[in-house]
Amino acid sequence: MKKILGGIAIIFFALALVIIVRTITFKEPSIETFKNTEFLQSEQFKKYQKDLVAKLQKSITYKTVSYQDASLRDTKEFQKLIEFLKNSFPLVHKQLELKLINQFTLLYTWKGKNPELKPVVLMGHYDVVPVNEKEWSVPPFEGKIIDEYLYGRGTIDDKITVIGLLQAVEYLLSINHQPERTIYFSFGHDEEIGGVEGAKSVVSYLQQNQIFPAFVMDEGGAITIGMVPGVEKPVATIGIAEKGYVSIKLIATGRGGHSSTPPEDTAVTRLTRALYRLQENPFPYGLTDVQKTMFRYVGPNFSFVQKMAAANLWLFRPVIESILKKSDTGRASLHTTMTPTILKAGIKENIIPTEAEVVINLRILPGDSIESIINRIKKIIQDDNVRIEILPFSSEPSPVSGVEGEDGLGFQMIVKTIKTINSEYAIAPYLVLGATDSRYFKEITKNIYRFMPVYLNEEDMHRMHGNDERISLKSIQTAFEFYSIFIKNL
């Protein structure tokens, strides 16, 4: 018995030793910074950095709103913004080639010195979501600055990317810089309603011209403040994968008639039963390769206990998953989600409807597919009187982009630029839960990264499609700094 207990003690001691050693030696991957940053101190750089604020302010005044009903689009506002860009960035429009895609999406080409190098695509969008002006405390299209914040629809989502990139290029052209590799700048006009006319058409154009970029960078992550539990310092979140998107309609049918003499089963009861079964059988949860990569980068910044869990996922994986499940965002990152959003049935209180329907929006985890989730839903519902329709506009989940080696060029460029700005910032590769225009580019490259060099806290996140959207002046300065360093080192 003593031998058995002694053996168990040795095993526990060895296990504890392994855990502690792995925790103590758990470090961030080594990341270099760029050295050629003396230009950041020049008066010319500071002038262009300051001018960016005024240009972003002016861009907000153009009401480039995308509505689900395309006939509501005010095309004059889109044309005005394009003219504003031409007037505000004269060197860009003199030295770069501009192609308009479907009238309003802009595709700029900046030829590189070395045609042997694969090009890159840097992208954003300038259309914005509608506003209810009565609910805003400041005018949404005036670009007012209050207490070090610029307010207006599109400040964060996503005119800062468009204006910030163009201002960085304008500055670099002013000091006679030419990139080594060709850079394409793609600025969409319909991202908020699916990007079919814009980004999707840009991809078709690039495909037709046999242009296959080394990587793409779009909006997505940001330099977050207080949003990663257990990490006090700012964390730069970089999207290396994106969930897929599909909406389905469940249509249940049944016998109609007068509500005083109902049949045993109706369209409504069949539909509610189907919804209940789906609610009780969610898609399975589990850490993906994206989360494992995230913990490898951000984990060393955790407190000791959390760091111990991140450094030893082989043992503490169930604990990590249970912690993530406690928040809506955490749960969503672990599995394919199903969310009922529209429910319809009946026309009068005493008439039994012959049809009842619900729209369910699904965000698909990498590893699942539209076909696999539809098959699973059919098996769960098990009712031939409930049919499934796939609604227009859908996309499969993206591949997971590289973070190391040749495939990780884009990721390493982003990380090096962030660390050059501030070496103390933590890095967190992550899974983008929403949808961006970059999803179309998976047809021409497997390496897509989603990052905006702006500071965001929890409050500002809720403002993006909500009321009083804003961007800090510090974010505007950092965006210009980031894009200038990034492009100069391409």
Protein backbone atom coordinates (compact mmCIF):
# COMPACT_ATOMS: atom_id res chain seq x y z
CA MET A 1 0.00 0.00 0.00
CA LYS A 2 2.84 2.36 0.91
CA LYS A 3 4.46 1.66 -2.45
CA ILE A 4 1.21 2.50 -4.26
CA LEU A 5 0.77 5.74 -2.33
CA GLY A 6 4.43 6.57 -2.90
CA GLY A 7 4.02 5.98 -6.62
CA ILE A 8 0.94 8.21 -6.75
CA ALA A 9 2.82 10.93 -4.85
CA ILE A 10 5.70 10.75 -7.32
CA ILE A 11 3.27 11.02 -10.26
CA PHE A 12 1.56 14.06 -8.72
CA PHE A 13 4.91 15.66 -7.94
CA ALA A 14 6.12 15.09 -11.50
CA LEU A 15 2.87 16.46 -12.92
CA ALA A 16 3.06 19.55 -10.71
CA LEU A 17 6.68 20.08 -11.71
CA VAL A 18 5.83 19.88 -15.42
CA ILE A 19 2.97 22.36 -14.98
CA ILE A 20 5.09 24.85 -13.05
CA VAL A 21 8.07 24.61 -15.41
CA ARG A 22 5.80 25.08 -18.46
CA THR A 23 4.18 28.08 -16.76
CA ILE A 24 7.46 29.75 -15.80
CA THR A 25 8.93 29.26 -19.28
CA PHE A 26 5.71 30.35 -21.04
CA LYS A 27 6.75 33.45 -23.01
CA GLU A 28 5.36 35.47 -25.90
CA PRO A 29 6.77 34.45 -29.28
CA SER A 30 9.84 36.57 -30.01
CA ILE A 31 8.89 39.59 -32.11
CA GLU A 32 11.30 42.13 -33.60
CA THR A 33 10.44 45.75 -34.20
CA PHE A 34 11.20 47.96 -37.19
CA LYS A 35 14.29 50.14 -36.81
CA ASN A 36 13.80 52.71 -39.60
CA THR A 37 11.36 54.92 -37.69
CA GLU A 38 13.30 58.18 -37.54
CA PHE A 39 10.85 59.64 -40.07
CA LEU A 40 8.17 59.60 -37.34
CA GLN A 41 9.89 62.58 -35.70
CA SER A 42 9.98 64.78 -38.80
CA GLU A 43 7.89 67.95 -39.01
CA GLN A 44 6.45 66.77 -42.30
CA PHE A 45 5.18 63.54 -40.71
CA LYS A 46 3.61 65.47 -37.84
CA LYS A 47 1.91 67.85 -40.27
CA TYR A 48 0.30 65.00 -42.22
CA GLN A 49 -0.68 63.31 -38.96
CA LYS A 50 -2.44 66.48 -37.81
CA ASP A 51 -4.12 67.03 -41.19
CA LEU A 52 -5.67 63.56 -40.99
CA VAL A 53 -8.07 64.76 -38.29
CA ALA A 54 -9.55 67.46 -40.53
CA LYS A 55 -9.83 65.08 -43.49
CA LEU A 56 -11.59 62.44 -41.41
CA GLN A 57 -13.89 65.15 -40.02
CA LYS A 58 -14.87 66.22 -43.53
CA SER A 59 -15.43 62.64 -44.72
CA ILE A 60 -18.02 62.17 -41.96
CA THR A 61 -20.18 64.95 -43.45
CA TYR A 62 -20.92 62.83 -46.52
CA LYS A 63 -23.97 60.66 -45.81
CA THR A 64 -22.75 57.50 -47.51
CA VAL A 65 -25.46 55.36 -45.94
CA SER A 66 -26.16 51.82 -47.12
CA TYR A 67 -29.77 50.71 -46.82
CA GLN A 68 -31.10 47.18 -47.30
CA ASP A 69 -33.35 48.74 -49.92
CA ALA A 70 -30.73 49.85 -52.46
CA SER A 71 -33.17 52.34 -54.01
CA LEU A 72 -32.79 54.50 -50.86
CA ARG A 73 -29.06 55.01 -51.49
CA ASP A 74 -28.23 58.66 -52.10
CA THR A 75 -25.70 58.20 -54.91
CA LYS A 76 -24.91 61.93 -54.93
CA GLU A 77 -23.38 61.62 -51.45
CA PHE A 78 -21.17 58.74 -52.63
CA GLN A 79 -20.06 60.75 -55.66
CA LYS A 80 -19.31 63.76 -53.45
CA LEU A 81 -17.10 61.66 -51.20
CA ILE A 82 -15.17 60.31 -54.19
CA GLU A 83 -14.60 63.86 -55.41
CA PHE A 84 -13.50 64.83 -51.91
CA LEU A 85 -10.91 62.03 -51.96
CA LYS A 86 -9.58 63.18 -55.32
CA ASN A 87 -9.18 66.75 -54.06
CA SER A 88 -7.78 65.78 -50.64
CA PHE A 89 -5.15 63.33 -51.86
CA PRO A 90 -3.66 64.86 -55.03
CA LEU A 91 -0.42 62.82 -55.01
CA VAL A 92 -2.37 59.58 -54.62
CA HIS A 93 -4.54 60.42 -57.59
CA LYS A 94 -1.59 61.57 -59.66
CA GLN A 95 0.73 58.62 -59.05
CA LEU A 96 -1.57 55.67 -58.31
CA GLU A 97 -3.92 54.05 -60.79
CA LEU A 98 -7.60 54.28 -59.81
CA LYS A 99 -10.27 51.95 -61.09
CA LEU A 100 -13.91 52.39 -60.11
CA ILE A 101 -15.76 49.11 -59.60
CA ASN A 102 -19.52 49.39 -60.11
CA GLN A 103 -19.23 53.20 -59.99
CA PHE A 104 -18.51 53.61 -56.29
CA THR A 105 -15.96 51.09 -55.03
CA LEU A 106 -12.40 52.39 -55.39
CA LEU A 107 -9.48 50.14 -56.31
CA TYR A 108 -6.09 51.89 -56.27
CA THR A 109 -2.90 50.28 -57.57
CA TRP A 110 0.51 51.40 -56.29
CA LYS A 111 3.14 49.71 -58.43
CA GLY A 112 6.07 48.22 -56.54
CA LYS A 113 9.72 48.11 -57.52
CA ASN A 114 9.96 44.32 -57.54
CA PRO A 115 7.40 42.55 -59.77
CA GLU A 116 8.65 39.19 -58.46
CA LEU A 117 7.12 39.87 -55.06
CA LYS A 118 3.47 38.99 -54.55
CA PRO A 119 1.25 42.05 -54.07
CA VAL A 120 -0.83 42.78 -50.99
CA VAL A 121 -4.35 44.17 -50.58
CA LEU A 122 -5.17 46.74 -47.89
CA MET A 123 -8.88 47.36 -47.67
CA GLY A 124 -11.73 49.09 -45.89
CA HIS A 125 -15.16 50.52 -46.65
CA TYR A 126 -16.64 53.99 -46.57
CA ASP A 127 -20.35 53.20 -46.47
CA VAL A 128 -22.08 53.42 -43.10
CA VAL A 129 -25.20 52.07 -41.41
CA PRO A 130 -28.34 54.23 -41.02
CA VAL A 131 -28.89 56.40 -37.95
CA ASN A 132 -31.81 57.58 -35.87
CA GLU A 133 -30.70 61.17 -35.43
CA LYS A 134 -33.15 61.76 -32.55
CA GLU A 135 -31.27 59.21 -30.44
CA TRP A 136 -27.86 60.85 -30.90
CA SER A 137 -26.63 63.45 -28.44
CA VAL A 138 -24.51 65.03 -31.19
CA PRO A 139 -25.24 65.44 -34.92
CA PRO A 140 -24.13 62.18 -36.61
CA PHE A 141 -22.90 63.81 -39.83
CA GLU A 142 -21.15 66.99 -38.66
CA GLY A 143 -17.85 65.57 -37.42
CA LYS A 144 -17.80 67.42 -34.11
CA ILE A 145 -14.83 67.13 -31.74
CA ILE A 146 -15.76 66.98 -28.05
CA ASP A 147 -13.30 66.18 -25.24
CA GLU A 148 -10.64 64.62 -27.47
CA TYR A 149 -13.16 62.53 -29.43
CA LEU A 150 -14.37 62.96 -33.00
CA TYR A 151 -18.07 62.03 -33.19
CA GLY A 152 -19.96 60.85 -36.25
CA ARG A 153 -21.33 57.87 -38.11
CA GLY A 154 -18.44 56.05 -39.76
CA THR A 155 -15.64 57.42 -37.57
CA ILE A 156 -14.68 53.90 -36.48
CA ASP A 157 -16.70 51.82 -38.93
CA ASP A 158 -14.85 52.35 -41.22
CA LYS A 159 -13.82 55.72 -42.64
CA ILE A 160 -10.74 55.86 -40.39
CA THR A 161 -9.30 52.95 -42.40
CA VAL A 162 -10.01 54.56 -45.77
CA ILE A 163 -8.86 58.07 -44.89
CA GLY A 164 -6.00 56.81 -42.71
CA LEU A 165 -4.54 54.61 -45.44
CA LEU A 166 -4.85 57.32 -48.09
CA GLN A 167 -3.21 59.91 -45.83
CA ALA A 168 -0.31 57.53 -45.13
CA VAL A 169 0.18 56.95 -48.86
CA GLU A 170 -0.05 60.70 -49.53
CA TYR A 171 2.67 61.29 -46.94
CA LEU A 172 4.94 58.51 -48.25
CA LEU A 173 4.58 59.83 -51.79
CA SER A 174 5.58 63.27 -50.54
CA ILE A 175 8.93 61.83 -49.38
CA ASN A 176 9.33 59.92 -52.70
CA HIS A 177 8.74 56.47 -51.27
CA GLN A 178 7.91 53.59 -53.58
CA PRO A 179 7.05 50.19 -52.12
CA GLU A 180 9.03 47.07 -52.96
CA ARG A 181 5.86 45.12 -53.74
CA THR A 182 2.70 46.31 -55.46
CA ILE A 183 -0.08 47.38 -53.10
CA TYR A 184 -3.78 47.39 -53.94
CA PHE A 185 -6.11 49.57 -51.88
CA SER A 186 -9.74 48.43 -52.05
CA PHE A 187 -12.40 50.70 -50.55
CA GLY A 188 -15.92 49.31 -50.74
CA HIS A 189 -19.20 51.19 -50.93
CA ASP A 190 -21.62 48.45 -49.82
CA GLU A 191 -19.95 46.46 -47.04
CA GLU A 192 -22.83 47.13 -44.66
CA ILE A 193 -25.25 45.33 -46.98
CA GLY A 194 -23.06 42.41 -48.02
CA GLY A 195 -20.35 43.83 -50.30
CA VAL A 196 -21.63 42.10 -53.45
CA GLU A 197 -21.22 45.14 -55.72
CA GLY A 198 -17.98 46.18 -54.06
CA ALA A 199 -15.57 43.66 -52.52
CA LYS A 200 -16.98 40.63 -54.32
CA SER A 201 -16.60 42.41 -57.67
CA VAL A 202 -13.05 43.51 -56.76
CA VAL A 203 -12.13 39.86 -56.19
CA SER A 204 -13.61 38.94 -59.57
CA TYR A 205 -11.54 41.67 -61.22
CA LEU A 206 -8.33 40.50 -59.52
CA GLN A 207 -9.05 36.88 -60.45
CA GLN A 208 -9.59 37.80 -64.08
CA ASN A 209 -6.24 39.56 -64.07
CA GLN A 210 -4.43 36.65 -62.36
CA ILE A 211 -3.64 38.73 -59.27
CA PHE A 212 -3.16 36.56 -56.17
CA PRO A 213 -2.00 38.57 -53.15
CA ALA A 214 0.40 37.36 -50.46
CA PHE A 215 -2.11 38.59 -47.90
CA VAL A 216 -5.05 40.91 -47.30
CA MET A 217 -5.64 43.27 -44.37
CA ASP A 218 -9.16 44.50 -43.58
CA GLU A 219 -11.04 45.95 -40.61
CA GLY A 220 -11.76 43.73 -37.63
CA GLY A 221 -9.67 43.67 -34.47
CA ALA A 222 -8.31 46.73 -32.68
CA ILE A 223 -6.10 47.80 -29.79
CA THR A 224 -8.51 46.92 -27.02
CA ILE A 225 -8.54 48.47 -23.55
CA GLY A 226 -9.83 46.38 -20.64
CA MET A 227 -11.55 43.86 -22.90
CA VAL A 228 -9.37 40.78 -22.41
CA PRO A 229 -10.02 39.33 -18.93
CA GLY A 230 -6.85 38.96 -16.91
CA VAL A 231 -4.77 41.39 -18.99
CA GLU A 232 -4.46 44.97 -17.81
CA LYS A 233 -2.27 46.29 -20.65
CA PRO A 234 -3.74 47.12 -24.10
CA VAL A 235 -4.23 44.05 -26.27
CA ALA A 236 -4.03 44.22 -30.06
CA THR A 237 -6.57 41.73 -31.37
CA ILE A 238 -5.87 40.47 -34.89
CA GLY A 239 -8.49 38.41 -36.68
CA ILE A 240 -6.90 35.36 -38.31
CA ALA A 241 -10.18 33.65 -39.18
CA GLU A 242 -13.81 34.59 -39.62
CA LYS A 243 -17.01 32.73 -38.97
CA GLY A 244 -19.22 31.79 -41.87
CA TYR A 245 -22.70 33.24 -42.30
CA VAL A 246 -26.04 31.83 -43.36
CA SER A 247 -29.68 32.51 -42.57
CA ILE A 248 -32.26 29.80 -42.96
CA LYS A 249 -36.04 29.83 -42.83
CA LEU A 250 -37.93 27.01 -41.14
CA ILE A 251 -41.44 26.73 -42.59
CA ALA A 252 -43.87 24.49 -40.75
CA THR A 253 -47.16 23.47 -42.38
CA GLY A 254 -50.35 22.05 -40.91
CA ARG A 255 -54.12 21.89 -41.20
CA GLY A 256 -55.91 25.21 -40.80
CA GLY A 257 -59.41 25.92 -39.61
CA HIS A 258 -61.29 27.49 -36.73
CA SER A 259 -59.45 27.82 -33.42
CA SER A 260 -62.44 26.36 -31.55
CA THR A 261 -61.81 22.90 -33.04
CA PRO A 262 -58.03 22.58 -33.35
CA PRO A 263 -56.26 19.49 -34.68
CA GLU A 264 -53.76 17.70 -32.44
CA ASP A 265 -50.82 19.29 -34.29
CA THR A 266 -50.66 22.67 -36.03
CA ALA A 267 -48.07 24.58 -37.99
CA VAL A 268 -47.35 26.68 -34.91
CA THR A 269 -46.85 23.71 -32.56
CA ARG A 270 -44.62 21.99 -35.13
CA LEU A 271 -42.50 25.10 -35.47
CA THR A 272 -42.19 25.64 -31.71
CA ARG A 273 -41.23 21.99 -31.25
CA ALA A 274 -38.55 22.36 -33.91
CA LEU A 275 -37.20 25.48 -32.20
CA TYR A 276 -37.20 23.74 -28.81
CA ARG A 277 -35.23 20.79 -30.19
CA LEU A 278 -32.66 23.12 -31.72
CA GLN A 279 -32.37 25.07 -28.45
CA GLU A 280 -31.78 21.84 -26.53
CA ASN A 281 -29.21 20.56 -29.01
CA PRO A 282 -26.68 23.34 -29.69
CA PHE A 283 -23.67 22.73 -31.88
CA PRO A 284 -20.83 21.16 -29.88
CA TYR A 285 -18.41 23.41 -28.01
CA GLY A 286 -14.64 23.22 -28.12
CA LEU A 287 -11.40 25.17 -28.42
CA THR A 288 -10.32 25.61 -32.02
CA ASP A 289 -6.84 26.10 -33.45
CA VAL A 290 -7.55 29.84 -33.45
CA GLN A 291 -8.09 29.91 -29.68
CA LYS A 292 -4.98 27.79 -29.10
CA THR A 293 -2.94 30.29 -31.11
CA MET A 294 -4.56 33.16 -29.20
CA PHE A 295 -3.57 31.70 -25.82
CA ARG A 296 -0.02 31.10 -27.06
CA TYR A 297 0.35 34.83 -27.76
CA VAL A 298 -1.73 36.50 -25.06
CA GLY A 299 -1.43 33.82 -22.35
CA PRO A 300 2.01 34.94 -21.06
CA ASN A 301 0.37 38.26 -20.04
CA PHE A 302 -2.14 36.60 -17.69
CA SER A 303 -1.89 36.41 -13.92
CA PHE A 304 0.02 33.34 -12.68
CA VAL A 305 -3.01 31.06 -12.23
CA GLN A 306 -4.53 31.99 -15.62
CA LYS A 307 -1.10 31.76 -17.21
CA MET A 308 -0.74 28.26 -15.80
CA ALA A 309 -3.99 27.21 -17.49
CA ALA A 310 -3.01 28.80 -20.82
CA ALA A 311 0.45 27.21 -20.73
CA ASN A 312 -1.03 23.76 -20.06
CA LEU A 313 -4.08 23.52 -22.30
CA TRP A 314 -3.48 19.77 -22.58
CA LEU A 315 -4.63 19.54 -18.94
CA PHE A 316 -6.78 22.62 -18.30
CA ARG A 317 -8.68 22.77 -21.59
CA PRO A 318 -12.06 21.88 -19.96
CA VAL A 319 -11.52 24.63 -17.38
CA ILE A 320 -10.75 27.21 -20.08
CA GLU A 321 -13.85 26.19 -22.05
CA SER A 322 -16.08 26.45 -18.98
CA ILE A 323 -14.77 29.96 -18.27
CA LEU A 324 -15.34 31.07 -21.88
CA LYS A 325 -18.89 29.71 -21.79
CA LYS A 326 -19.80 32.19 -19.05
CA SER A 327 -19.91 35.13 -21.50
CA ASP A 328 -21.92 35.54 -24.70
CA THR A 329 -18.79 36.36 -26.71
CA GLY A 330 -16.86 33.46 -25.21
CA ARG A 331 -19.62 30.96 -25.98
CA ALA A 332 -19.94 32.23 -29.52
CA SER A 333 -16.22 31.70 -30.11
CA LEU A 334 -16.49 28.02 -29.20
CA HIS A 335 -19.20 26.78 -31.54
CA THR A 336 -21.54 27.45 -34.44
CA THR A 337 -24.38 29.61 -33.15
CA MET A 338 -28.09 29.56 -34.05
CA THR A 339 -30.17 32.67 -33.33
CA PRO A 340 -33.90 32.97 -34.19
CA THR A 341 -34.49 36.52 -35.39
CA ILE A 342 -37.83 36.73 -37.24
CA LEU A 343 -41.02 34.82 -36.30
CA LYS A 344 -44.25 34.89 -38.30
CA ALA A 345 -47.57 33.02 -38.04
CA GLY A 346 -51.27 33.75 -38.33
CA ILE A 347 -53.42 36.67 -39.40
CA LYS A 348 -56.31 36.55 -36.86
CA GLU A 349 -56.69 35.32 -33.30
CA ASN A 350 -59.37 32.71 -34.10
CA ILE A 351 -57.93 31.32 -37.34
CA ILE A 352 -55.44 28.45 -37.23
CA PRO A 353 -52.61 29.31 -39.65
CA THR A 354 -51.60 26.73 -42.23
CA GLU A 355 -48.01 27.99 -42.13
CA ALA A 356 -45.64 29.26 -39.47
CA GLU A 357 -42.09 30.34 -40.14
CA VAL A 358 -38.97 31.49 -38.36
CA VAL A 359 -35.70 32.92 -39.67
CA ILE A 360 -32.59 31.64 -37.92
CA ASN A 361 -29.21 33.32 -38.38
CA LEU A 362 -26.21 31.01 -38.04
CA ARG A 363 -22.57 32.00 -37.60
CA ILE A 364 -20.47 29.04 -38.66
CA LEU A 365 -17.30 27.95 -36.88
CA PRO A 366 -14.27 27.06 -39.04
CA GLY A 367 -14.45 23.29 -39.46
CA ASP A 368 -18.21 23.32 -40.03
CA SER A 369 -19.84 24.13 -43.36
CA ILE A 370 -23.25 25.24 -44.59
CA GLU A 371 -23.97 21.71 -45.83
CA SER A 372 -22.94 20.04 -42.58
CA ILE A 373 -24.99 22.36 -40.37
CA ILE A 374 -28.12 21.97 -42.54
CA ASN A 375 -27.79 18.18 -42.33
CA ARG A 376 -27.44 18.38 -38.56
CA ILE A 377 -30.48 20.66 -38.22
CA LYS A 378 -32.59 18.22 -40.25
CA LYS A 379 -31.57 15.36 -37.96
CA ILE A 380 -32.43 17.35 -34.85
CA ILE A 381 -35.84 18.54 -36.06
CA GLN A 382 -36.96 15.15 -37.47
CA ASP A 383 -40.19 16.50 -38.96
CA ASP A 384 -41.10 16.20 -42.64
CA ASN A 385 -43.70 18.96 -42.14
CA VAL A 386 -40.96 21.47 -41.43
CA ARG A 387 -38.94 22.40 -44.47
CA ILE A 388 -35.73 24.39 -44.60
CA GLU A 389 -34.96 27.22 -47.01
CA ILE A 390 -31.51 28.83 -47.29
CA LEU A 391 -31.90 32.59 -47.67
CA PRO A 392 -29.84 34.65 -50.15
CA PHE A 393 -26.38 35.83 -49.10
CA SER A 394 -24.27 33.28 -47.31
CA SER A 395 -20.58 32.54 -46.89
CA GLU A 396 -18.57 29.60 -45.68
CA PRO A 397 -16.20 30.11 -42.73
CA SER A 398 -12.79 31.40 -43.74
CA PRO A 399 -9.61 29.34 -43.60
CA VAL A 400 -7.35 30.05 -40.63
CA SER A 401 -4.59 32.40 -41.79
CA GLY A 402 -0.94 31.74 -41.03
CA VAL A 403 0.95 33.41 -38.18
CA GLU A 404 4.45 32.04 -38.85
CA GLY A 405 6.74 31.34 -41.79
CA GLU A 406 6.01 32.43 -45.34
CA ASP A 407 2.24 32.20 -44.84
CA GLY A 408 2.50 34.41 -41.76
CA LEU A 409 4.05 37.41 -43.54
CA GLY A 410 0.97 39.60 -43.09
CA PHE A 411 0.48 38.66 -39.45
CA GLN A 412 4.14 39.29 -38.62
CA MET A 413 4.04 42.64 -40.43
CA ILE A 414 1.03 43.72 -38.34
CA VAL A 415 2.59 42.51 -35.09
CA LYS A 416 5.98 44.13 -35.80
CA THR A 417 4.25 47.43 -36.56
CA ILE A 418 2.21 47.27 -33.34
CA LYS A 419 5.32 46.45 -31.30
CA THR A 420 7.21 49.30 -32.99
CA ILE A 421 4.51 51.71 -31.83
CA ASN A 422 4.52 50.27 -28.31
CA SER A 423 6.49 47.16 -27.39
CA GLU A 424 4.39 46.67 -24.23
CA TYR A 425 1.13 45.97 -26.09
CA ALA A 426 0.01 42.35 -25.92
CA ILE A 427 -1.01 40.46 -29.07
CA ALA A 428 -4.08 38.25 -29.43
CA PRO A 429 -4.90 36.44 -32.69
CA TYR A 430 -8.63 35.73 -32.58
CA LEU A 431 -11.73 34.49 -34.40
CA VAL A 432 -13.90 37.26 -35.89
CA LEU A 433 -17.52 36.52 -34.97
CA GLY A 434 -19.09 39.00 -37.39
CA ALA A 435 -18.69 39.32 -41.15
CA THR A 436 -16.30 41.55 -43.12
CA ASP A 437 -15.76 42.20 -46.81
CA SER A 438 -12.50 40.27 -46.58
CA ARG A 439 -14.43 36.96 -46.70
CA TYR A 440 -14.60 37.24 -50.49
CA PHE A 441 -10.81 37.34 -50.77
CA LYS A 442 -10.43 33.73 -49.62
CA GLU A 443 -10.94 32.91 -53.30
CA ILE A 444 -7.53 34.43 -54.14
CA THR A 445 -5.48 34.11 -50.93
CA LYS A 446 -5.49 31.97 -47.81
CA ASN A 447 -3.97 34.69 -45.64
CA ILE A 448 -6.43 37.35 -44.50
CA TYR A 449 -5.99 39.51 -41.41
CA ARG A 450 -8.53 41.77 -39.77
CA PHE A 451 -7.13 44.66 -37.76
CA MET A 452 -7.71 48.39 -37.27
CA PRO A 453 -4.99 50.42 -35.47
CA VAL A 454 -7.44 52.24 -33.18
CA TYR A 455 -8.14 52.07 -29.44
CA LEU A 456 -11.46 50.56 -28.38
CA ASN A 457 -13.04 49.82 -25.02
CA GLU A 458 -16.30 48.01 -24.29
CA GLU A 459 -18.34 51.22 -24.47
CA ASP A 460 -16.95 52.24 -27.86
CA MET A 461 -17.63 48.77 -29.26
CA HIS A 462 -21.36 49.28 -28.64
CA ARG A 463 -21.30 52.68 -30.35
CA MET A 464 -20.19 51.38 -33.75
CA HIS A 465 -23.63 50.45 -35.05
CA GLY A 466 -25.32 52.29 -32.21
CA ASN A 467 -25.63 55.89 -31.12
CA ASP A 468 -22.86 58.47 -30.68
CA GLU A 469 -20.21 56.57 -32.62
CA ARG A 470 -16.83 58.18 -32.04
CA ILE A 471 -13.06 57.85 -32.36
CA SER A 472 -10.43 59.30 -30.04
CA LEU A 473 -7.92 61.77 -31.45
CA LYS A 474 -5.23 59.46 -30.05
CA SER A 475 -6.62 56.67 -32.25
CA ILE A 476 -6.42 58.89 -35.33
CA GLN A 477 -2.77 59.66 -34.59
CA THR A 478 -1.97 56.00 -33.98
CA ALA A 479 -3.74 54.91 -37.17
CA PHE A 480 -1.58 57.27 -39.23
CA GLU A 481 1.55 56.11 -37.46
CA PHE A 482 0.66 52.44 -37.94
CA TYR A 483 -0.20 52.70 -41.63
CA SER A 484 2.92 54.78 -42.40
CA ILE A 485 5.25 52.29 -40.69
CA PHE A 486 3.41 49.29 -42.11
CA ILE A 487 3.41 50.44 -45.73
CA LYS A 488 6.98 51.79 -45.57
CA ASN A 489 8.22 48.35 -44.48
CA LEU A 490 6.32 46.34 -47.07
